[in-house]
Amino acid sequence: MKTRRGMTMTARDDRDEIILSWQELFDLACGFLTAHGLSQAQAHALAGALCKAERDGCRSHGLQRLPGTVETMAHPAFNRDADPVPQALTPAVTRLDADYGFSILAAERGLPLLVTGARRLGVAVLAVNNGFHSTALWPLVEEIAAHGLAGLSMNPTHDWVAPAGGTAGALGTNPIAFSWPRRGRPPYVFDFATSAAARADIALHRQEGRALPPGWGLDAEGRPSTDPAAVLAGAMLPFGGHKGSALATMIELLAGPFIADRTSRQSATFDGGAKAAPCHGELIIAFDPALVGTALGKDEAAQDAAEDLFSRIERQGARLPGARRHAARALSESRGIAIPRPLHEKILSMMPPAG
């Protein structure tokens, strides 16, 4: 099979989806981004993140976001050639200005200094400024865990979410992700929006003609609604009432003013109606869980205590966060990565003619 850019694909297909290898999926995503003028470095970083989400069954954060990158790249401030360079402010703090490109490239380039700092000092901070939102946070914190470190990442978005008890947007969906390394096993990883659902999930419901569960959002008049279009035009709701609202506020502060970047309201103002992805800061923290334990001669005991906690959760039949992703990943690695046929056709239809 040939794409409009001439890339050969060996996709197996059925009525509803097609199956691509990792390389085919990556070539599709990267080829789309570079065809629309994105630099090779940014395209590689973003395509990799989107493909990881697709591989792991997180479709709302996978290639579904690829067509929207065209709108983001059309923003007057977007820099298709952004080339972020790490700046070590202290041995524990690294800053990268994403230079108004996609934030994922800056985050990846800051990772080596973050890991080095955490191993040396026990904790290190990476602040990414002026980056357009990329996709899920978990791929990066999972990579931090691969270095034997615990990771934490968070960012504001746009002010789409009403605070608990409110009726209009004031907070972002404000995702937070955490990872904990495990011996001989995949890391413990969670990644979730502090809204009742990610905005991409609501958009997916609208695209598929499905009603929302109650409690996900309000219409433009502040009334509860299960209509995804009405909620997208109104306000989303935080998960857990006042608890999710407070957590979202914490993320606004730590990944906004704390690192001298935008709040969700300021990000929406910066967008100026362009309907681009939010342009914001991202705070990433790495911890070395062995440092104190090793100094006290209790590293093994600490690791055993963590595994006992995970085991007690699983023995009750509960699922550890990340388990579903790893199961989907194993399936993708054995059969290839499935993407919806309409999405594949839409991506190809938006590909500029070659030459």
Protein backbone atom coordinates (compact mmCIF):
# COMPACT_ATOMS: atom_id res chain seq x y z
CA MET A 1 0.00 0.00 0.00
CA LYS A 2 1.26 3.48 -0.88
CA THR A 3 0.56 6.68 1.00
CA ARG A 4 0.24 10.04 -0.74
CA ARG A 5 3.88 10.68 0.18
CA GLY A 6 4.93 7.45 -1.43
CA MET A 7 5.71 5.52 1.77
CA THR A 8 5.16 1.79 1.41
CA MET A 9 3.02 0.12 4.09
CA THR A 10 2.26 -3.54 4.54
CA ALA A 11 -0.87 -2.98 6.60
CA ARG A 12 -3.22 -5.85 7.26
CA ASP A 13 -6.76 -4.55 7.34
CA ASP A 14 -10.38 -5.37 8.05
CA ARG A 15 -13.54 -3.33 7.85
CA ASP A 16 -12.96 -1.12 10.90
CA GLU A 17 -9.21 -0.86 11.48
CA ILE A 18 -5.84 -1.43 9.93
CA ILE A 19 -2.77 -2.98 11.55
CA LEU A 20 0.64 -1.32 11.16
CA SER A 21 4.08 -2.21 12.42
CA TRP A 22 5.78 0.23 14.78
CA GLN A 23 8.00 1.50 11.99
CA GLU A 24 5.05 1.99 9.64
CA LEU A 25 3.11 3.86 12.31
CA PHE A 26 6.11 6.03 13.16
CA ASP A 27 6.81 6.76 9.49
CA LEU A 28 3.16 7.76 9.00
CA ALA A 29 3.20 10.17 11.95
CA CYS A 30 6.66 11.59 11.31
CA GLY A 31 6.02 11.90 7.59
CA PHE A 32 2.79 13.81 8.24
CA LEU A 33 4.52 16.25 10.60
CA THR A 34 7.52 16.92 8.38
CA ALA A 35 5.27 17.26 5.32
CA HIS A 36 3.54 20.09 7.18
CA GLY A 37 6.85 21.82 7.80
CA LEU A 38 7.83 20.63 11.28
CA SER A 39 11.56 20.22 11.86
CA GLN A 40 12.94 16.70 11.79
CA ALA A 41 13.94 16.81 15.48
CA GLN A 42 10.51 17.98 16.65
CA ALA A 43 8.73 15.54 14.36
CA HIS A 44 10.74 12.58 15.67
CA ALA A 45 10.03 13.49 19.29
CA LEU A 46 6.31 14.13 18.82
CA ALA A 47 5.73 11.16 16.52
CA GLY A 48 7.41 8.89 19.05
CA ALA A 49 5.14 10.08 21.87
CA LEU A 50 1.97 9.77 19.77
CA CYS A 51 2.93 6.30 18.56
CA LYS A 52 3.65 5.10 22.10
CA ALA A 53 0.16 6.16 23.14
CA GLU A 54 -1.37 4.42 20.10
CA ARG A 55 0.69 1.27 20.72
CA ASP A 56 -0.49 1.14 24.34
CA GLY A 57 -4.17 1.52 23.51
CA CYS A 58 -4.43 5.18 24.60
CA ARG A 59 -6.15 6.32 21.42
CA SER A 60 -7.32 9.66 22.79
CA HIS A 61 -3.63 10.63 23.12
CA GLY A 62 -2.36 8.86 20.02
CA LEU A 63 -2.64 9.55 16.31
CA GLN A 64 -6.11 11.04 16.84
CA ARG A 65 -4.15 14.17 17.80
CA LEU A 66 -2.14 14.25 14.60
CA PRO A 67 -4.64 16.25 12.46
CA GLY A 68 -4.88 18.87 15.23
CA THR A 69 -1.14 19.52 15.04
CA VAL A 70 -1.79 21.40 11.79
CA GLU A 71 -3.93 23.94 13.69
CA THR A 72 -1.28 24.24 16.39
CA MET A 73 1.50 24.79 13.87
CA ALA A 74 -0.64 27.54 12.31
CA HIS A 75 -0.56 29.56 15.54
CA PRO A 76 1.28 32.86 14.90
CA ALA A 77 3.78 32.14 17.68
CA PHE A 78 4.50 28.52 16.79
CA ASN A 79 8.11 27.81 15.83
CA ARG A 80 8.48 24.87 13.45
CA ASP A 81 12.27 25.06 13.79
CA ALA A 82 12.51 25.33 17.59
CA ASP A 83 15.82 23.90 18.81
CA PRO A 84 15.72 23.94 22.65
CA VAL A 85 19.01 23.85 24.58
CA PRO A 86 19.25 22.77 28.26
CA GLN A 87 20.31 25.42 30.77
CA ALA A 88 21.61 24.19 34.14
CA LEU A 89 20.47 26.82 36.64
CA THR A 90 21.86 24.82 39.60
CA PRO A 91 23.08 21.22 39.98
CA ALA A 92 19.47 20.34 40.87
CA VAL A 93 17.53 22.56 38.45
CA THR A 94 17.55 22.46 34.65
CA ARG A 95 15.51 24.77 32.46
CA LEU A 96 14.65 24.46 28.79
CA ASP A 97 12.83 27.06 26.78
CA ALA A 98 10.86 25.08 24.20
CA ASP A 99 11.02 28.24 22.05
CA TYR A 100 7.35 27.89 21.10
CA GLY A 101 7.71 24.48 19.54
CA PHE A 102 6.15 21.27 20.85
CA SER A 103 7.18 20.69 24.47
CA ILE A 104 8.16 17.03 24.04
CA LEU A 105 11.50 17.78 22.35
CA ALA A 106 12.55 20.11 25.18
CA ALA A 107 11.53 17.55 27.80
CA GLU A 108 13.51 14.80 26.09
CA ARG A 109 16.60 16.98 25.75
CA GLY A 110 16.45 17.88 29.43
CA LEU A 111 16.13 14.28 30.60
CA PRO A 112 19.87 13.44 30.79
CA LEU A 113 20.60 16.39 33.10
CA LEU A 114 17.52 15.57 35.17
CA VAL A 115 18.67 11.97 35.66
CA THR A 116 22.23 13.01 36.48
CA GLY A 117 21.03 15.55 39.02
CA ALA A 118 18.66 13.12 40.73
CA ARG A 119 21.33 10.44 41.04
CA ARG A 120 23.81 12.92 42.46
CA LEU A 121 21.52 14.87 44.78
CA GLY A 122 18.55 12.59 45.34
CA VAL A 123 16.08 14.94 43.65
CA ALA A 124 16.24 17.15 40.56
CA VAL A 125 13.86 19.46 38.73
CA LEU A 126 13.34 20.10 35.03
CA ALA A 127 11.33 23.19 34.04
CA VAL A 128 10.12 23.41 30.44
CA ASN A 129 8.84 26.84 29.39
CA ASN A 130 6.91 28.09 26.35
CA GLY A 131 6.04 24.69 24.93
CA PHE A 132 2.91 23.77 22.98
CA HIS A 133 1.25 20.75 24.55
CA SER A 134 2.28 17.44 23.01
CA THR A 135 0.38 14.44 24.36
CA ALA A 136 0.31 12.16 27.42
CA LEU A 137 2.85 12.63 30.22
CA TRP A 138 3.37 8.97 31.09
CA PRO A 139 5.94 8.11 28.34
CA LEU A 140 8.44 10.53 29.90
CA VAL A 141 7.94 9.45 33.53
CA GLU A 142 8.14 5.83 32.39
CA GLU A 143 11.52 6.64 30.84
CA ILE A 144 12.61 8.23 34.13
CA ALA A 145 11.67 4.98 35.88
CA ALA A 146 13.81 3.04 33.40
CA HIS A 147 16.78 4.85 34.96
CA GLY A 148 15.85 3.51 38.39
CA LEU A 149 14.27 6.81 39.47
CA ALA A 150 10.79 7.89 40.48
CA GLY A 151 9.28 10.58 38.27
CA LEU A 152 6.60 13.24 38.59
CA SER A 153 5.32 15.49 35.80
CA MET A 154 2.50 18.04 35.53
CA ASN A 155 1.26 20.95 33.45
CA PRO A 156 -1.66 23.40 33.13
CA THR A 157 -3.68 23.55 29.90
CA HIS A 158 -6.49 26.03 29.02
CA ASP A 159 -9.14 27.18 31.50
CA TRP A 160 -11.71 24.63 30.35
CA VAL A 161 -12.58 23.32 33.84
CA ALA A 162 -14.94 24.87 36.38
CA PRO A 163 -13.77 24.71 40.01
CA ALA A 164 -15.83 22.62 42.42
CA GLY A 165 -19.03 24.56 43.05
CA GLY A 166 -18.42 26.85 40.07
CA THR A 167 -20.14 27.14 36.71
CA ALA A 168 -17.45 28.46 34.33
CA GLY A 169 -13.90 27.56 33.36
CA ALA A 170 -11.10 28.71 35.67
CA LEU A 171 -8.74 25.73 35.81
CA GLY A 172 -7.11 23.51 33.22
CA THR A 173 -7.52 19.77 32.78
CA ASN A 174 -4.08 19.84 34.43
CA PRO A 175 -2.68 16.32 34.05
CA ILE A 176 -0.26 14.77 36.52
CA ALA A 177 1.84 11.64 36.04
CA PHE A 178 3.96 9.59 38.45
CA SER A 179 6.27 6.61 38.05
CA TRP A 180 8.00 4.25 40.49
CA PRO A 181 10.72 1.82 39.32
CA ARG A 182 10.35 -1.90 40.07
CA ARG A 183 12.91 -4.70 39.96
CA GLY A 184 12.35 -7.00 36.99
CA ARG A 185 8.87 -5.65 36.35
CA PRO A 186 7.32 -2.76 34.46
CA PRO A 187 7.24 0.41 36.57
CA TYR A 188 4.21 1.57 38.50
CA VAL A 189 2.89 4.50 36.43
CA PHE A 190 -0.22 6.62 36.55
CA ASP A 191 -1.18 9.56 34.36
CA PHE A 192 -4.51 11.30 34.60
CA ALA A 193 -6.19 14.64 34.11
CA THR A 194 -7.52 16.35 37.22
CA SER A 195 -10.75 16.89 35.30
CA ALA A 196 -13.35 14.13 35.38
CA ALA A 197 -12.05 13.11 31.94
CA ALA A 198 -9.39 14.28 29.53
CA ARG A 199 -10.64 16.79 26.96
CA ALA A 200 -9.51 14.41 24.23
CA ASP A 201 -11.83 11.74 25.67
CA ILE A 202 -14.78 14.14 25.44
CA ALA A 203 -13.81 14.99 21.86
CA LEU A 204 -13.65 11.26 21.09
CA HIS A 205 -17.20 10.81 22.49
CA ARG A 206 -18.39 13.63 20.22
CA GLN A 207 -16.62 12.10 17.23
CA GLU A 208 -18.20 8.71 17.89
CA GLY A 209 -21.67 10.10 18.69
CA ARG A 210 -21.68 8.85 22.28
CA ALA A 211 -23.18 10.61 25.31
CA LEU A 212 -20.93 11.47 28.24
CA PRO A 213 -21.30 9.91 31.68
CA PRO A 214 -22.99 12.25 34.18
CA GLY A 215 -20.61 14.48 36.11
CA TRP A 216 -18.16 15.18 33.30
CA GLY A 217 -19.26 18.69 32.47
CA LEU A 218 -21.61 21.64 32.19
CA ASP A 219 -23.17 23.44 29.24
CA ALA A 220 -22.56 27.11 28.47
CA GLU A 221 -25.27 28.09 31.01
CA GLY A 222 -23.58 26.13 33.79
CA ARG A 223 -26.12 23.29 33.75
CA PRO A 224 -25.02 19.62 33.98
CA SER A 225 -24.89 18.01 30.54
CA THR A 226 -24.04 14.67 28.94
CA ASP A 227 -23.81 16.18 25.44
CA PRO A 228 -20.09 16.24 24.52
CA ALA A 229 -20.54 19.21 22.15
CA ALA A 230 -22.33 21.20 24.87
CA VAL A 231 -19.61 20.40 27.42
CA LEU A 232 -16.85 21.35 25.00
CA ALA A 233 -18.62 24.68 24.53
CA GLY A 234 -19.30 25.03 28.26
CA ALA A 235 -17.08 23.80 31.07
CA MET A 236 -15.62 20.49 32.18
CA LEU A 237 -15.72 19.39 35.83
CA PRO A 238 -12.89 18.27 38.13
CA PHE A 239 -12.80 14.70 39.37
CA GLY A 240 -13.56 14.15 43.03
CA GLY A 241 -15.23 17.49 43.59
CA HIS A 242 -13.23 19.82 45.83
CA LYS A 243 -10.30 17.37 46.00
CA GLY A 244 -9.70 17.34 42.25
CA SER A 245 -10.24 21.09 42.18
CA ALA A 246 -7.56 21.63 44.83
CA LEU A 247 -5.12 19.31 43.07
CA ALA A 248 -5.68 21.17 39.79
CA THR A 249 -4.99 24.44 41.57
CA MET A 250 -1.72 23.05 42.93
CA ILE A 251 -0.66 22.10 39.39
CA GLU A 252 -1.58 25.58 38.14
CA LEU A 253 0.79 27.06 40.73
CA LEU A 254 3.70 24.61 40.44
CA ALA A 255 3.76 24.35 36.64
CA GLY A 256 2.79 27.99 36.14
CA PRO A 257 4.00 30.79 38.46
CA PHE A 258 6.56 28.56 40.22
CA ILE A 259 8.48 28.08 36.96
CA ALA A 260 7.61 31.54 35.60
CA ASP A 261 5.11 30.30 33.04
CA ARG A 262 1.42 30.65 32.20
CA THR A 263 -1.65 29.64 34.13
CA SER A 264 -4.43 27.96 32.17
CA ARG A 265 -6.26 31.29 31.85
CA GLN A 266 -3.10 32.96 30.51
CA SER A 267 -2.55 30.06 28.11
CA ALA A 268 -6.09 30.46 26.73
CA THR A 269 -5.54 34.20 26.33
CA PHE A 270 -2.25 33.54 24.54
CA ASP A 271 -4.09 31.24 22.13
CA GLY A 272 -6.14 34.20 20.91
CA GLY A 273 -8.82 32.02 19.35
CA ALA A 274 -6.38 30.08 17.16
CA LYS A 275 -7.60 26.74 18.62
CA ALA A 276 -4.02 25.52 18.97
CA ALA A 277 -2.85 23.16 21.68
CA PRO A 278 -2.20 24.98 24.98
CA CYS A 279 1.16 26.75 25.26
CA HIS A 280 2.38 26.39 28.81
CA GLY A 281 5.10 25.22 31.17
CA GLU A 282 5.79 21.69 32.35
CA LEU A 283 7.35 20.73 35.67
CA ILE A 284 9.20 17.41 35.80
CA ILE A 285 10.79 16.09 39.00
CA ALA A 286 12.97 12.99 39.41
CA PHE A 287 13.69 11.31 42.76
CA ASP A 288 16.23 8.61 43.58
CA PRO A 289 14.34 6.19 45.86
CA ALA A 290 17.57 4.34 46.70
CA LEU A 291 19.64 7.29 47.88
CA VAL A 292 18.42 7.62 51.45
CA GLY A 293 17.81 3.90 51.83
CA THR A 294 21.35 3.09 50.70
CA ALA A 295 22.83 5.68 53.08
CA LEU A 296 20.90 4.11 55.96
CA GLY A 297 21.55 0.53 54.85
CA LYS A 298 17.84 0.00 54.25
CA ASP A 299 17.57 0.06 50.47
CA GLU A 300 16.51 -3.59 50.16
CA ALA A 301 13.94 -3.20 52.93
CA ALA A 302 12.47 -0.14 51.26
CA GLN A 303 12.18 -1.91 47.91
CA ASP A 304 10.59 -4.93 49.59
CA ALA A 305 8.05 -2.66 51.31
CA ALA A 306 7.10 -1.11 47.97
CA GLU A 307 6.65 -4.53 46.36
CA ASP A 308 4.58 -5.70 49.33
CA LEU A 309 2.26 -2.73 48.78
CA PHE A 310 1.84 -3.52 45.09
CA SER A 311 1.28 -7.20 45.89
CA ARG A 312 -1.43 -6.46 48.45
CA ILE A 313 -3.26 -4.36 45.88
CA GLU A 314 -3.08 -7.05 43.19
CA ARG A 315 -4.03 -9.92 45.55
CA GLN A 316 -7.40 -8.25 46.04
CA GLY A 317 -8.03 -8.41 42.32
CA ALA A 318 -7.40 -4.70 41.86
CA ARG A 319 -5.46 -3.50 38.83
CA LEU A 320 -2.32 -1.46 39.22
CA PRO A 321 -2.28 1.71 37.10
CA GLY A 322 -0.40 1.07 33.87
CA ALA A 323 -1.31 -2.63 33.71
CA ARG A 324 -3.82 -2.08 30.92
CA ARG A 325 -1.24 -0.16 28.89
CA HIS A 326 1.31 -2.92 29.27
CA ALA A 327 -1.24 -5.55 28.19
CA ALA A 328 -2.11 -3.47 25.12
CA ARG A 329 1.59 -3.01 24.41
CA ALA A 330 2.19 -6.75 24.47
CA LEU A 331 -0.70 -7.27 22.03
CA SER A 332 0.64 -4.55 19.72
CA GLU A 333 4.09 -6.10 19.76
CA SER A 334 2.68 -9.50 18.80
CA ARG A 335 0.14 -8.52 16.11
CA GLY A 336 1.02 -4.93 15.16
CA ILE A 337 -0.65 -1.66 16.14
CA ALA A 338 -4.31 -1.18 15.28
CA ILE A 339 -5.62 2.23 14.26
CA PRO A 340 -9.18 3.06 13.13
CA ARG A 341 -9.56 3.04 9.37
CA PRO A 342 -11.35 6.44 9.28
CA LEU A 343 -8.46 8.03 11.21
CA HIS A 344 -5.90 6.51 8.85
CA GLU A 345 -7.83 7.79 5.85
CA LYS A 346 -8.15 11.26 7.39
CA ILE A 347 -4.39 11.46 8.01
CA LEU A 348 -3.63 10.44 4.43
CA SER A 349 -6.19 12.91 3.06
CA MET A 350 -4.47 15.74 4.94
CA MET A 351 -1.02 14.84 3.63
CA PRO A 352 0.29 17.56 1.28
CA PRO A 353 1.09 16.32 -2.24
CA ALA A 354 4.69 15.19 -2.65
CA GLY A 355 7.06 17.63 -4.32
